[in-house]
Amino acid sequence: MKKAILVGDIGSTKSTWVYSTDIAQELHLGGYNPVTQSEKQGNSLFESLQAHTKDQEFSTIWYYGAGVIDSRIAQVVHDNLMRMFPDSMILVSSDLTGAAIAACGSEQGTVAILGTGSHAAEWNGKKIVKQAVSLGYILGDEGGGCDIGKALLQHYFYKTMPEDITKDLDERLHGDRSVFLQELQASEKPNQFLAEFARFAVLHQEHEWIKELVSDRFNVFISRHVVPLCPNRDVHVVGSIGCIFASLIKKELEKHGLSAGSFIKNPARRLFERHAEHE
């Protein structure tokens, strides 16, 4: 059997894996962030990946994941994945590197991730040469789904939210602050738990109040993470939140004298195509 290549784009909430010997196939599984989640959760993902691909051998596995912020974490991910796929060459990089390769390939460019979390970097065509400071979902991730979810929840409990959106959240929260805080405290994936509330912003994305709230979070993201990179070319946006609210991020970039490039909701397929070209 001819060995395939496997390329994974792994976010905190979900992951997409693409593999093929002839026709590319996509596999959608849970997410993993080694900074905010336990090794046990990561191993659960890798076991699921192995179970779904048990009849296929891989020559090389490219892993592009959230939370891969240094060589130590990359090595831990590599070693745990290697236990499941001992006959494969495994290469572990950050989701930021994956986003840059997907958006820019071998060209120079600026890339912004806006998914569950957020990040930004300058790419020289071969590697990241400058990147924003990432503080994770508790202190940072401005403009991402978790951040937008937190902003919505604050307005809900502070009673500063329009009535129609409040009614939608009432169906989920019933105004019960103590129950919500207990659920958050008990959650194994608190960033994902909070990001789930961003879907209320998506449901009401044409609402002027929602537009203002999301635009404000994007403005903070651009001011703190994109502008300091001093981009001199289009800013490519990768991730579901950035793509859903593409018109808003474009406007906020323009306010800072910047322009948007391509929008890529899920970079896994494009990453696979780029790697397959060199096989």
Protein backbone atom coordinates (compact mmCIF):
# COMPACT_ATOMS: atom_id res chain seq x y z
CA MET A 1 0.00 0.00 0.00
CA LYS A 2 1.32 3.42 -0.98
CA LYS A 3 1.88 5.64 2.03
CA ALA A 4 -0.03 8.90 2.16
CA ILE A 5 0.84 12.23 3.73
CA LEU A 6 -1.31 13.67 6.52
CA VAL A 7 -1.68 17.38 7.23
CA GLY A 8 -3.51 18.63 10.30
CA ASP A 9 -4.71 22.10 11.27
CA ILE A 10 -5.45 21.82 14.98
CA GLY A 11 -7.28 24.58 16.80
CA SER A 12 -8.41 24.76 20.40
CA THR A 13 -11.97 23.85 19.46
CA LYS A 14 -11.66 21.60 16.41
CA SER A 15 -9.15 20.08 14.04
CA THR A 16 -9.17 19.30 10.33
CA TRP A 17 -6.95 16.59 8.88
CA VAL A 18 -6.40 16.06 5.16
CA TYR A 19 -4.72 12.97 3.71
CA SER A 20 -4.54 11.15 0.42
CA THR A 21 -2.62 8.90 -1.90
CA ASP A 22 -4.84 9.92 -4.82
CA ILE A 23 -7.96 11.90 -3.83
CA ALA A 24 -7.71 14.14 -0.77
CA GLN A 25 -9.95 13.19 2.13
CA GLU A 26 -10.92 15.41 5.05
CA LEU A 27 -11.37 14.29 8.63
CA HIS A 28 -12.93 16.57 11.26
CA LEU A 29 -12.14 15.86 14.91
CA GLY A 30 -11.96 17.69 18.23
CA GLY A 31 -9.35 20.33 18.98
CA TYR A 32 -6.33 20.48 21.26
CA ASN A 33 -4.27 23.26 22.79
CA PRO A 34 -1.36 22.00 24.92
CA VAL A 35 -1.19 25.31 26.80
CA THR A 36 -4.79 25.29 28.02
CA GLN A 37 -5.62 21.57 27.88
CA SER A 38 -4.09 18.47 29.42
CA GLU A 39 -1.90 15.89 27.69
CA LYS A 40 -4.72 13.45 28.31
CA GLN A 41 -6.98 15.53 26.07
CA GLY A 42 -4.30 15.63 23.42
CA ASN A 43 -3.82 11.89 23.55
CA SER A 44 -7.57 11.45 23.24
CA LEU A 45 -7.43 13.40 19.96
CA PHE A 46 -4.48 11.34 18.70
CA GLU A 47 -6.22 8.09 19.59
CA SER A 48 -9.30 9.25 17.70
CA LEU A 49 -7.11 10.18 14.72
CA GLN A 50 -5.52 6.74 14.78
CA ALA A 51 -8.91 5.02 14.99
CA HIS A 52 -10.26 6.98 12.01
CA THR A 53 -7.18 6.29 9.85
CA LYS A 54 -6.29 2.76 11.02
CA ASP A 55 -6.20 1.32 7.48
CA GLN A 56 -3.86 4.01 6.19
CA GLU A 57 -0.09 4.41 6.64
CA PHE A 58 1.51 7.85 6.50
CA SER A 59 5.01 8.65 5.35
CA THR A 60 4.87 12.14 6.87
CA ILE A 61 2.52 13.88 9.29
CA TRP A 62 2.52 17.68 9.40
CA TYR A 63 0.93 18.97 12.60
CA TYR A 64 0.09 22.71 12.77
CA GLY A 65 -1.44 23.38 16.16
CA ALA A 66 -2.69 26.04 18.54
CA GLY A 67 -0.57 26.37 21.66
CA VAL A 68 2.67 25.18 20.05
CA ILE A 69 4.53 28.20 21.38
CA ASP A 70 8.01 26.77 21.91
CA SER A 71 10.26 23.79 21.20
CA ARG A 72 9.44 22.08 24.51
CA ILE A 73 5.71 21.96 23.77
CA ALA A 74 6.40 20.94 20.18
CA GLN A 75 8.49 18.02 21.44
CA VAL A 76 5.76 16.85 23.83
CA VAL A 77 3.18 16.91 21.02
CA HIS A 78 5.63 15.14 18.70
CA ASP A 79 6.38 12.36 21.21
CA ASN A 80 2.71 11.73 22.04
CA LEU A 81 1.74 11.64 18.37
CA MET A 82 4.69 9.38 17.60
CA ARG A 83 3.33 6.76 20.01
CA MET A 84 0.27 6.46 17.79
CA PHE A 85 2.14 6.65 14.47
CA PRO A 86 5.61 5.17 15.11
CA ASP A 87 6.40 4.59 11.43
CA SER A 88 5.73 8.16 10.31
CA MET A 89 7.97 11.19 10.16
CA ILE A 90 6.22 13.79 12.33
CA LEU A 91 6.78 17.53 11.99
CA VAL A 92 5.17 19.82 14.58
CA SER A 93 4.72 23.57 14.10
CA SER A 94 2.39 26.28 15.38
CA ASP A 95 -0.97 27.04 13.85
CA LEU A 96 0.48 30.48 13.10
CA THR A 97 3.12 28.90 10.86
CA GLY A 98 0.40 26.81 9.22
CA ALA A 99 -1.73 29.88 8.61
CA ALA A 100 1.23 31.70 7.07
CA ILE A 101 2.08 28.81 4.74
CA ALA A 102 -1.57 28.44 3.73
CA ALA A 103 -2.01 32.15 3.04
CA CYS A 104 1.39 33.11 1.66
CA GLY A 105 3.24 29.99 0.57
CA SER A 106 6.75 31.02 -0.43
CA GLU A 107 5.82 34.70 -0.71
CA GLN A 108 6.29 37.33 1.98
CA GLY A 109 3.15 38.34 3.82
CA THR A 110 1.27 39.28 6.96
CA VAL A 111 -1.19 36.83 8.47
CA ALA A 112 -3.82 37.21 11.18
CA ILE A 113 -5.59 34.30 12.86
CA LEU A 114 -9.12 34.97 14.09
CA GLY A 115 -10.71 31.71 15.21
CA THR A 116 -11.38 30.59 18.78
CA GLY A 117 -8.28 32.60 19.66
CA SER A 118 -6.23 35.17 17.76
CA HIS A 119 -2.65 35.78 16.66
CA ALA A 120 -0.65 37.62 13.99
CA ALA A 121 2.75 37.38 12.34
CA GLU A 122 5.07 38.47 9.53
CA TRP A 123 6.20 35.71 7.16
CA ASN A 124 9.30 36.05 4.95
CA GLY A 125 8.39 33.19 2.63
CA LYS A 126 10.26 30.58 4.67
CA LYS A 127 9.64 31.33 8.33
CA ILE A 128 7.98 33.69 10.78
CA VAL A 129 10.28 36.65 11.36
CA LYS A 130 8.09 38.66 13.71
CA GLN A 131 4.98 37.80 15.65
CA ALA A 132 2.55 39.34 18.10
CA VAL A 133 2.71 38.57 21.80
CA SER A 134 0.19 35.85 22.67
CA LEU A 135 -1.22 35.80 26.21
CA GLY A 136 -3.85 33.10 25.69
CA TYR A 137 -7.58 33.26 26.27
CA ILE A 138 -7.47 34.60 29.85
CA LEU A 139 -5.35 37.69 29.20
CA GLY A 140 -5.37 37.99 25.42
CA ASP A 141 -6.82 36.49 22.23
CA GLU A 142 -8.52 39.79 21.42
CA GLY A 143 -10.96 39.56 18.52
CA GLY A 144 -11.22 35.77 18.62
CA GLY A 145 -14.36 33.77 19.34
CA CYS A 146 -13.53 33.36 23.02
CA ASP A 147 -12.97 37.10 23.41
CA ILE A 148 -16.22 37.96 21.63
CA GLY A 149 -18.04 35.36 23.74
CA LYS A 150 -16.68 36.94 26.93
CA ALA A 151 -17.72 40.41 25.79
CA LEU A 152 -21.28 39.20 25.08
CA LEU A 153 -21.50 37.48 28.46
CA GLN A 154 -20.34 40.61 30.26
CA HIS A 155 -23.03 42.70 28.58
CA TYR A 156 -25.63 40.02 29.32
CA PHE A 157 -24.93 39.81 33.03
CA TYR A 158 -24.33 43.57 33.37
CA LYS A 159 -27.72 44.07 31.61
CA THR A 160 -26.28 46.35 28.93
CA MET A 161 -27.37 44.21 25.97
CA PRO A 162 -30.28 44.84 23.57
CA GLU A 163 -33.46 42.98 24.48
CA ASP A 164 -33.68 40.81 21.36
CA ILE A 165 -30.19 39.37 21.87
CA THR A 166 -30.82 39.03 25.59
CA LYS A 167 -33.83 36.82 24.84
CA ASP A 168 -31.68 34.43 22.82
CA LEU A 169 -29.14 34.17 25.62
CA ASP A 170 -31.92 33.77 28.18
CA GLU A 171 -32.81 30.44 26.55
CA ARG A 172 -29.31 29.20 27.38
CA LEU A 173 -28.50 31.02 30.63
CA HIS A 174 -31.88 31.91 32.20
CA GLY A 175 -30.13 34.86 33.87
CA ASP A 176 -28.57 32.44 36.35
CA ARG A 177 -25.10 33.80 37.02
CA SER A 178 -24.12 31.28 39.68
CA VAL A 179 -25.00 28.27 37.49
CA PHE A 180 -23.08 29.75 34.56
CA LEU A 181 -19.98 30.41 36.68
CA GLN A 182 -20.12 26.86 38.04
CA GLU A 183 -20.37 25.45 34.51
CA LEU A 184 -17.42 27.57 33.42
CA GLN A 185 -15.37 26.48 36.43
CA ALA A 186 -16.14 22.83 35.77
CA SER A 187 -15.42 22.97 32.05
CA GLU A 188 -12.41 20.99 30.81
CA LYS A 189 -12.05 23.43 27.91
CA PRO A 190 -13.01 26.87 29.28
CA ASN A 191 -11.80 28.73 26.19
CA GLN A 192 -14.02 26.56 24.00
CA PHE A 193 -16.89 26.93 26.47
CA LEU A 194 -16.65 30.73 26.25
CA ALA A 195 -16.16 30.73 22.48
CA GLU A 196 -19.47 28.87 22.07
CA PHE A 197 -21.24 32.09 23.03
CA ALA A 198 -19.76 33.86 20.01
CA ARG A 199 -22.36 31.99 17.96
CA PHE A 200 -24.94 34.45 19.32
CA ALA A 201 -22.95 37.21 17.64
CA VAL A 202 -22.99 35.19 14.42
CA LEU A 203 -26.77 34.69 14.68
CA HIS A 204 -27.24 38.44 15.06
CA GLN A 205 -24.38 39.57 12.81
CA GLU A 206 -26.58 42.12 10.97
CA HIS A 207 -27.58 43.78 14.25
CA GLU A 208 -25.94 47.21 14.59
CA TRP A 209 -25.11 46.64 18.26
CA ILE A 210 -23.36 43.36 17.41
CA LYS A 211 -21.47 45.03 14.58
CA GLU A 212 -20.20 47.67 17.00
CA LEU A 213 -19.18 45.10 19.62
CA VAL A 214 -17.33 42.85 17.15
CA SER A 215 -15.74 45.83 15.39
CA ASP A 216 -14.46 47.09 18.73
CA ARG A 217 -12.84 43.73 19.53
CA PHE A 218 -11.28 43.62 16.04
CA ASN A 219 -9.97 47.15 16.53
CA VAL A 220 -8.26 46.11 19.77
CA PHE A 221 -6.76 43.09 18.00
CA ILE A 222 -5.43 45.16 15.11
CA SER A 223 -4.07 47.91 17.38
CA ARG A 224 -2.27 45.54 19.73
CA HIS A 225 -1.19 42.74 17.43
CA VAL A 226 -1.18 43.75 13.76
CA VAL A 227 -0.07 47.40 13.73
CA PRO A 228 3.11 46.70 15.80
CA LEU A 229 4.22 44.28 13.05
CA CYS A 230 4.41 47.30 10.69
CA PRO A 231 2.90 45.41 7.74
CA ASN A 232 3.66 46.90 4.32
CA ARG A 233 1.40 44.53 2.38
CA ASP A 234 -2.09 43.02 2.58
CA VAL A 235 -3.10 41.30 5.81
CA HIS A 236 -4.37 37.78 5.13
CA VAL A 237 -7.03 36.55 7.55
CA VAL A 238 -7.33 32.90 8.59
CA GLY A 239 -10.07 31.42 10.77
CA SER A 240 -13.84 31.14 11.02
CA ILE A 241 -14.49 34.33 13.03
CA GLY A 242 -12.42 36.45 10.65
CA CYS A 243 -14.22 35.00 7.62
CA ILE A 244 -17.73 35.29 9.07
CA PHE A 245 -17.14 38.94 9.94
CA ALA A 246 -14.93 39.67 6.90
CA SER A 247 -16.60 43.00 6.09
CA LEU A 248 -16.02 44.26 9.64
CA ILE A 249 -12.35 43.28 9.80
CA LYS A 250 -11.80 44.94 6.40
CA LYS A 251 -13.25 48.21 7.70
CA GLU A 252 -11.16 48.10 10.87
CA LEU A 253 -7.98 47.40 8.90
CA GLU A 254 -8.75 50.35 6.63
CA LYS A 255 -9.08 52.63 9.68
CA HIS A 256 -5.44 51.79 10.42
CA GLY A 257 -4.34 52.34 6.82
CA LEU A 258 -4.14 48.61 6.12
CA SER A 259 -5.85 46.41 3.54
CA ALA A 260 -7.15 42.87 3.72
CA GLY A 261 -5.78 40.13 1.50
CA SER A 262 -7.24 36.64 1.23
CA PHE A 263 -9.72 35.14 3.70
CA ILE A 264 -9.24 31.45 4.53
CA LYS A 265 -11.79 29.84 6.81
CA ASN A 266 -10.01 26.51 7.15
CA PRO A 267 -6.36 26.34 6.01
CA ALA A 268 -6.00 22.54 6.18
CA ARG A 269 -6.88 21.86 2.53
CA ARG A 270 -4.54 24.55 1.22
CA LEU A 271 -1.75 23.34 3.53
CA PHE A 272 -2.22 19.83 2.19
CA GLU A 273 -2.04 21.05 -1.40
CA ARG A 274 1.17 22.97 -0.73
CA HIS A 275 2.85 19.94 0.86
CA ALA A 276 1.54 17.55 -1.77
CA GLU A 277 3.20 19.66 -4.47
CA HIS A 278 6.60 18.77 -3.05
CA GLU A 279 6.01 15.05 -2.59
